[in-house]
Amino acid sequence: MSDSKTTGLDEIRLYAERHGLKGLPEAQFARLAELATTVREAGLAIPRMPSEEIEPAHLFTVAPIRGLK
């Protein structure tokens, strides 16, 4: 999607701090920023329903777990 946004390292540092991850190495902050972009792109690709009253039940199926009776 063209609506992709790169998460800045400052945003990632604030996010990590809010979740108790202080003092991480810079390489880990950079990796978190990469992952944030990947997760955002994946989230944008999920089809959205036009209304919250319309549930996407037809999009999901649940297969039975083998061996359980």
Protein backbone atom coordinates (compact mmCIF):
# COMPACT_ATOMS: atom_id res chain seq x y z
CA MET A 1 0.00 0.00 0.00
CA SER A 2 1.16 3.50 -0.66
CA ASP A 3 -0.04 4.62 2.79
CA SER A 4 3.08 3.15 4.39
CA LYS A 5 4.80 5.16 7.11
CA THR A 6 8.21 4.59 8.61
CA THR A 7 8.23 4.61 12.40
CA GLY A 8 11.04 6.79 13.70
CA LEU A 9 13.56 5.62 16.25
CA ASP A 10 12.37 8.26 18.71
CA GLU A 11 8.84 6.83 18.53
CA ILE A 12 10.22 3.34 19.03
CA ARG A 13 12.26 4.42 22.06
CA LEU A 14 9.13 5.97 23.62
CA TYR A 15 7.11 2.82 22.84
CA ALA A 16 9.80 0.59 24.38
CA GLU A 17 10.01 2.80 27.48
CA ARG A 18 6.22 2.66 27.95
CA HIS A 19 6.50 -1.12 27.95
CA GLY A 20 9.40 -1.29 30.39
CA LEU A 21 12.16 -1.87 27.82
CA LYS A 22 14.74 0.70 28.83
CA GLY A 23 18.39 0.60 27.85
CA LEU A 24 18.12 -1.66 24.81
CA PRO A 25 21.05 -1.65 22.37
CA GLU A 26 20.60 0.64 19.34
CA ALA A 27 20.48 -2.38 17.02
CA GLN A 28 17.39 -3.65 18.84
CA PHE A 29 15.66 -0.26 18.55
CA ALA A 30 16.39 -0.32 14.81
CA ARG A 31 14.97 -3.85 14.53
CA LEU A 32 11.84 -2.80 16.44
CA ALA A 33 11.37 0.03 13.95
CA GLU A 34 11.64 -2.45 11.05
CA LEU A 35 9.12 -4.76 12.69
CA ALA A 36 6.73 -1.87 13.35
CA THR A 37 6.72 -1.05 9.64
CA THR A 38 6.12 -4.69 8.69
CA VAL A 39 3.27 -5.04 11.20
CA ARG A 40 1.69 -1.79 9.99
CA GLU A 41 1.81 -2.91 6.36
CA ALA A 42 0.27 -6.27 7.28
CA GLY A 43 -2.49 -4.52 9.22
CA LEU A 44 -3.29 -2.23 6.30
CA ALA A 45 -3.71 -5.29 4.05
CA ILE A 46 -6.49 -6.78 6.23
CA PRO A 47 -9.90 -6.18 4.64
CA ARG A 48 -12.09 -3.93 6.76
CA MET A 49 -15.84 -4.12 7.09
CA PRO A 50 -17.78 -1.00 6.06
CA SER A 51 -19.63 -1.02 9.39
CA GLU A 52 -18.84 -2.37 12.85
CA GLU A 53 -22.27 -4.05 12.90
CA ILE A 54 -21.19 -6.29 10.00
CA GLU A 55 -18.97 -9.03 11.35
CA PRO A 56 -16.34 -10.65 9.12
CA ALA A 57 -17.39 -14.18 10.14
CA HIS A 58 -17.43 -15.34 6.52
CA LEU A 59 -13.71 -14.56 6.25
CA PHE A 60 -12.64 -16.95 9.00
CA THR A 61 -12.95 -20.70 9.41
CA VAL A 62 -11.98 -22.91 12.31
CA ALA A 63 -10.67 -26.38 11.57
CA PRO A 64 -11.26 -29.07 14.18
CA ILE A 65 -8.22 -30.15 16.16
CA ARG A 66 -7.25 -33.70 15.25
CA GLY A 67 -7.32 -36.24 18.01
CA LEU A 68 -9.88 -34.42 20.19
CA LYS A 69 -13.31 -35.92 20.64
